[in-house]
PDB file of N, CA and C in Angstrom:
ATOM      1  N   MET A   1     -16.151   4.964  -1.536  1.00  0.00           N
ATOM      2  CA  MET A   1     -14.947   4.344  -1.425  1.00  0.00           C
ATOM      3  C   MET A   1     -15.632   3.433  -0.030  1.00  0.00           C
ATOM      4  N   GLY A   2     -15.692   2.246  -0.785  1.00  0.00           N
ATOM      5  CA  GLY A   2     -16.781   1.278   0.359  1.00  0.00           C
ATOM      6  C   GLY A   2     -15.886   0.451   0.956  1.00  0.00           C
ATOM      7  N   ILE A   3     -15.802   0.319   2.801  1.00  0.00           N
ATOM      8  CA  ILE A   3     -15.245  -0.226   3.649  1.00  0.00           C
ATOM      9  C   ILE A   3     -14.397  -1.489   3.456  1.00  0.00           C
ATOM     10  N   GLY A   4     -14.332  -1.975   2.352  1.00  0.00           N
ATOM     11  CA  GLY A   4     -13.531  -3.131   2.892  1.00  0.00           C
ATOM     12  C   GLY A   4     -12.391  -2.733   1.482  1.00  0.00           C
ATOM     13  N   LYS A   5     -12.505  -2.909   0.733  1.00  0.00           N
ATOM     14  CA  LYS A   5     -11.264  -1.855  -0.371  1.00  0.00           C
ATOM     15  C   LYS A   5     -10.541  -0.951  -0.336  1.00  0.00           C
ATOM     16  N   LYS A   6     -11.416   0.128   0.667  1.00  0.00           N
ATOM     17  CA  LYS A   6     -10.162   1.232   2.093  1.00  0.00           C
ATOM     18  C   LYS A   6      -9.519   0.216   2.702  1.00  0.00           C
ATOM     19  N   LEU A   7     -10.186  -0.883   3.665  1.00  0.00           N
ATOM     20  CA  LEU A   7      -9.519  -2.276   4.758  1.00  0.00           C
ATOM     21  C   LEU A   7      -8.726  -2.493   3.451  1.00  0.00           C
ATOM     22  N   GLN A   8      -8.867  -2.777   2.434  1.00  0.00           N
ATOM     23  CA  GLN A   8      -7.910  -3.753   1.775  1.00  0.00           C
ATOM     24  C   GLN A   8      -6.774  -2.695   0.975  1.00  0.00           C
ATOM     25  N   ASN A   9      -6.710  -1.701   0.209  1.00  0.00           N
ATOM     26  CA  ASN A   9      -5.606  -1.066   0.676  1.00  0.00           C
ATOM     27  C   ASN A   9      -4.489   0.140   1.581  1.00  0.00           C
ATOM     28  N   ILE A  10      -5.545   0.200   2.759  1.00  0.00           N
ATOM     29  CA  ILE A  10      -4.470   0.205   4.322  1.00  0.00           C
ATOM     30  C   ILE A  10      -3.902  -0.808   4.731  1.00  0.00           C
ATOM     31  N   GLY A  11      -4.152  -1.920   4.185  1.00  0.00           N
ATOM     32  CA  GLY A  11      -3.630  -3.610   4.573  1.00  0.00           C
ATOM     33  C   GLY A  11      -2.111  -3.401   3.490  1.00  0.00           C
ATOM     34  N   HIS A  12      -2.760  -3.148   2.600  1.00  0.00           N
ATOM     35  CA  HIS A  12      -1.418  -3.746   1.510  1.00  0.00           C
ATOM     36  C   HIS A  12      -0.102  -2.179   2.180  1.00  0.00           C
ATOM     37  N   ILE A  13      -0.749  -1.415   2.379  1.00  0.00           N
ATOM     38  CA  ILE A  13      -0.067   0.291   2.611  1.00  0.00           C
ATOM     39  C   ILE A  13       0.819  -0.128   3.789  1.00  0.00           C
ATOM     40  N   ALA A  14       0.163  -1.043   4.638  1.00  0.00           N
ATOM     41  CA  ALA A  14       1.357  -0.908   6.418  1.00  0.00           C
ATOM     42  C   ALA A  14       2.107  -2.323   5.864  1.00  0.00           C
ATOM     43  N   GLU A  15       1.186  -3.457   5.283  1.00  0.00           N
ATOM     44  CA  GLU A  15       2.225  -4.442   4.528  1.00  0.00           C
ATOM     45  C   GLU A  15       3.531  -4.676   3.424  1.00  0.00           C
ATOM     46  N   GLY A  16       3.019  -2.955   2.960  1.00  0.00           N
ATOM     47  CA  GLY A  16       4.474  -2.804   2.639  1.00  0.00           C
ATOM     48  C   GLY A  16       5.511  -1.943   3.098  1.00  0.00           C
ATOM     49  N   LYS A  17       5.462  -1.146   4.302  1.00  0.00           N
ATOM     50  CA  LYS A  17       5.965  -0.169   4.986  1.00  0.00           C
ATOM     51  C   LYS A  17       6.559  -1.378   6.210  1.00  0.00           C
ATOM     52  N   SER A  18       6.134  -3.075   6.380  1.00  0.00           N
ATOM     53  CA  SER A  18       6.898  -3.553   7.582  1.00  0.00           C
ATOM     54  C   SER A  18       7.844  -4.009   6.756  1.00  0.00           C
ATOM     55  N   LYS A  19       7.259  -4.249   5.216  1.00  0.00           N
ATOM     56  CA  LYS A  19       8.427  -5.499   4.501  1.00  0.00           C
ATOM     57  C   LYS A  19       9.656  -4.593   3.984  1.00  0.00           C
ATOM     58  N   GLU A  20       9.463  -2.975   3.427  1.00  0.00           N
ATOM     59  CA  GLU A  20      10.479  -2.401   3.993  1.00  0.00           C
ATOM     60  C   GLU A  20      11.121  -1.745   4.647  1.00  0.00           C
ATOM     61  N   SER A  21      10.269  -1.869   5.930  1.00  0.00           N
ATOM     62  CA  SER A  21      11.497  -1.531   7.073  1.00  0.00           C
ATOM     63  C   SER A  21      12.551  -2.666   7.364  1.00  0.00           C
ATOM     64  N   THR A  22      11.650  -4.316   7.674  1.00  0.00           N
ATOM     65  CA  THR A  22      11.773  -5.307   7.527  1.00  0.00           C
ATOM     66  C   THR A  22      13.235  -5.793   6.786  1.00  0.00           C
ATOM     67  N   GLY A  23      13.371  -4.751   5.668  1.00  0.00           N
ATOM     68  CA  GLY A  23      14.124  -5.628   4.644  1.00  0.00           C
ATOM     69  C   GLY A  23      15.269  -4.352   5.078  1.00  0.00           C
ATOM     70  N   LYS A  24      15.502  -3.534   5.243  1.00  0.00           N
ATOM     71  CA  LYS A  24      16.525  -2.656   5.727  1.00  0.00           C
ATOM     72  C   LYS A  24      17.528  -3.099   6.923  1.00  0.00           C
ATOM     73  N   ALA A  25      16.109  -3.094   8.174  1.00  0.00           N
ATOM     74  CA  ALA A  25      17.436  -4.168   9.064  1.00  0.00           C
ATOM     75  C   ALA A  25      18.378  -4.839   9.085  1.00  0.00           C
ATOM     76  N   VAL A  26      17.337  -5.773   7.993  1.00  0.00           N
ATOM     77  CA  VAL A  26      18.409  -6.698   7.730  1.00  0.00           C
ATOM     78  C   VAL A  26      19.141  -6.520   6.915  1.00  0.00           C
ATOM     79  N   GLY A  27      19.206  -6.299   5.609  1.00  0.00           N
ATOM     80  CA  GLY A  27      20.226  -5.728   4.438  1.00  0.00           C
ATOM     81  C   GLY A  27      19.306  -6.312   3.925  1.00  0.00           C
ATOM     82  N   ASN A  28      18.291  -7.109   3.060  1.00  0.00           N
ATOM     83  CA  ASN A  28      17.796  -7.142   2.293  1.00  0.00           C
ATOM     84  C   ASN A  28      17.163  -6.304   1.269  1.00  0.00           C
ATOM     85  N   GLU A  29      17.521  -6.191   0.075  1.00  0.00           N
ATOM     86  CA  GLU A  29      17.068  -5.534   0.168  1.00  0.00           C
ATOM     87  C   GLU A  29      16.299  -5.925  -1.218  1.00  0.00           C
ATOM     88  N   SER A  30      16.054  -7.359  -1.447  1.00  0.00           N
ATOM     89  CA  SER A  30      14.651  -7.611  -2.612  1.00  0.00           C
ATOM     90  C   SER A  30      13.828  -7.461  -1.310  1.00  0.00           C
ATOM     91  N   LEU A  31      13.768  -7.976  -0.138  1.00  0.00           N
ATOM     92  CA  LEU A  31      12.916  -7.862   0.305  1.00  0.00           C
ATOM     93  C   LEU A  31      12.807  -5.994   0.542  1.00  0.00           C
ATOM     94  N   GLU A  32      13.279  -5.362   0.423  1.00  0.00           N
ATOM     95  CA  GLU A  32      13.674  -3.689   1.343  1.00  0.00           C
ATOM     96  C   GLU A  32      12.049  -3.345  -0.308  1.00  0.00           C
ATOM     97  N   MET A  33      12.704  -3.726  -1.202  1.00  0.00           N
ATOM     98  CA  MET A  33      11.806  -3.080  -2.364  1.00  0.00           C
ATOM     99  C   MET A  33      11.167  -4.734  -3.003  1.00  0.00           C
ATOM    100  N   LYS A  34      10.381  -4.845  -2.677  1.00  0.00           N
ATOM    101  CA  LYS A  34       9.022  -6.116  -2.532  1.00  0.00           C
ATOM    102  C   LYS A  34       7.685  -5.309  -1.684  1.00  0.00           C
ATOM    103  N   GLY A  35       8.653  -4.495  -1.079  1.00  0.00           N
ATOM    104  CA  GLY A  35       8.035  -3.707   0.410  1.00  0.00           C
ATOM    105  C   GLY A  35       7.512  -2.034  -0.239  1.00  0.00           C
ATOM    106  N   LYS A  36       8.754  -1.615  -0.584  1.00  0.00           N
ATOM    107  CA  LYS A  36       8.342  -0.429  -1.590  1.00  0.00           C
ATOM    108  C   LYS A  36       7.136  -0.742  -2.650  1.00  0.00           C
ATOM    109  N   ALA A  37       7.738  -1.298  -3.669  1.00  0.00           N
ATOM    110  CA  ALA A  37       6.547  -1.839  -4.660  1.00  0.00           C
ATOM    111  C   ALA A  37       5.103  -2.089  -3.607  1.00  0.00           C
ATOM    112  N   GLU A  38       5.167  -3.294  -2.842  1.00  0.00           N
ATOM    113  CA  GLU A  38       3.442  -3.234  -1.828  1.00  0.00           C
ATOM    114  C   GLU A  38       2.700  -1.579  -1.515  1.00  0.00           C
ATOM    115  N   LYS A  39       3.814  -1.170  -0.848  1.00  0.00           N
ATOM    116  CA  LYS A  39       2.944  -0.612  -0.813  1.00  0.00           C
ATOM    117  C   LYS A  39       2.501   1.440  -1.789  1.00  0.00           C
ATOM    118  N   ILE A  40       3.141   1.640  -2.507  1.00  0.00           N
ATOM    119  CA  ILE A  40       3.189   2.645  -3.367  1.00  0.00           C
ATOM    120  C   ILE A  40       1.727   1.572  -4.096  1.00  0.00           C
ATOM    121  N   LYS A  41       1.506   0.222  -4.556  1.00  0.00           N
ATOM    122  CA  LYS A  41       0.490  -0.677  -4.820  1.00  0.00           C
ATOM    123  C   LYS A  41      -0.946   0.255  -3.651  1.00  0.00           C
ATOM    124  N   GLY A  42      -0.741  -0.330  -3.215  1.00  0.00           N
ATOM    125  CA  GLY A  42      -1.547   0.302  -2.420  1.00  0.00           C
ATOM    126  C   GLY A  42      -2.260   1.588  -1.631  1.00  0.00           C
ATOM    127  N   MET A  43      -1.565   2.614  -2.291  1.00  0.00           N
ATOM    128  CA  MET A  43      -1.679   3.431  -2.133  1.00  0.00           C
ATOM    129  C   MET A  43      -2.059   4.704  -3.635  1.00  0.00           C
ATOM    130  N   VAL A  44      -1.906   3.215  -4.858  1.00  0.00           N
ATOM    131  CA  VAL A  44      -2.259   4.225  -5.826  1.00  0.00           C
ATOM    132  C   VAL A  44      -3.604   3.764  -5.752  1.00  0.00           C
ATOM    133  N   LYS A  45      -3.537   2.042  -5.363  1.00  0.00           N
ATOM    134  CA  LYS A  45      -5.540   1.903  -5.585  1.00  0.00           C
ATOM    135  C   LYS A  45      -6.242   3.227  -4.538  1.00  0.00           C
ATOM    136  N   HIS A  46      -5.895   3.399  -4.037  1.00  0.00           N
ATOM    137  CA  HIS A  46      -6.443   3.835  -2.160  1.00  0.00           C
ATOM    138  C   HIS A  46      -6.760   5.060  -3.417  1.00  0.00           C
ATOM    139  N   ALA A  47      -5.656   6.035  -3.605  1.00  0.00           N
ATOM    140  CA  ALA A  47      -5.891   7.544  -4.091  1.00  0.00           C
ATOM    141  C   ALA A  47      -7.152   6.693  -5.901  1.00  0.00           C
ATOM    142  N   ALA A  48      -7.198   5.987  -6.019  1.00  0.00           N
ATOM    143  CA  ALA A  48      -7.892   4.997  -7.425  1.00  0.00           C
ATOM    144  C   ALA A  48      -9.437   5.491  -6.540  1.00  0.00           C
ATOM    145  N   GLU A  49      -9.801   4.896  -5.537  1.00  0.00           N
ATOM    146  CA  GLU A  49     -10.752   4.970  -5.142  1.00  0.00           C
ATOM    147  C   GLU A  49     -11.272   6.212  -4.495  1.00  0.00           C
ATOM    148  N   LYS A  50     -10.520   6.640  -4.160  1.00  0.00           N
ATOM    149  CA  LYS A  50     -10.622   8.212  -3.863  1.00  0.00           C
ATOM    150  C   LYS A  50     -11.068   8.646  -4.683  1.00  0.00           C
ATOM    151  N   ALA A  51     -10.261   8.693  -5.945  1.00  0.00           N
ATOM    152  CA  ALA A  51     -10.875   9.747  -7.131  1.00  0.00           C
ATOM    153  C   ALA A  51     -12.579   8.956  -7.701  1.00  0.00           C
ATOM    154  N   LYS A  52     -12.915   7.879  -7.719  1.00  0.00           N
ATOM    155  CA  LYS A  52     -13.363   7.336  -8.302  1.00  0.00           C
ATOM    156  C   LYS A  52     -15.178   7.832  -7.254  1.00  0.00           C
ATOM    157  N   ASP A  53     -14.850   8.321  -5.955  1.00  0.00           N
ATOM    158  CA  ASP A  53     -16.015   8.736  -5.121  1.00  0.00           C
ATOM    159  C   ASP A  53     -15.647   9.599  -5.071  1.00  0.00           C
ATOM    160  N   ALA A  54     -15.338  10.802  -5.746  1.00  0.00           N
ATOM    161  CA  ALA A  54     -15.357  12.565  -5.875  1.00  0.00           C
ATOM    162  C   ALA A  54     -16.386  12.710  -7.249  1.00  0.00           C
ATOM    163  N   LEU A  55     -15.870  11.687  -8.210  1.00  0.00           N
ATOM    164  CA  LEU A  55     -16.503  11.766  -9.633  1.00  0.00           C
ATOM    165  C   LEU A  55     -17.879  10.688  -9.122  1.00  0.00           C
ATOM    166  N   LYS A  56     -18.272  10.830  -8.285  1.00  0.00           N
ATOM    167  CA  LYS A  56     -19.786   9.812  -8.227  1.00  0.00           C
ATOM    168  C   LYS A  56     -20.264  11.338  -7.531  1.00  0.00           C
ATOM    169  N   HIS A  57     -19.950  13.083  -6.660  1.00  0.00           N
ATOM    170  CA  HIS A  57     -20.663  13.314  -5.271  1.00  0.00           C
ATOM    171  C   HIS A  57     -20.437  14.427  -6.587  1.00  0.00           C
TER     172      HIS A  57
END
């Protein structure tokens, strides 16, 4: 996995976690759901990159 893609995916995960936490703290369900979606998006992309790398080797 390229370092750029890895950092981008980790960034999505971190940003999603922060949005989710903020949404919970202020009682904003919409922000909480957007955060969960972004976190999951980052996790799925990260897993896909890892699988792609495993097939290369």
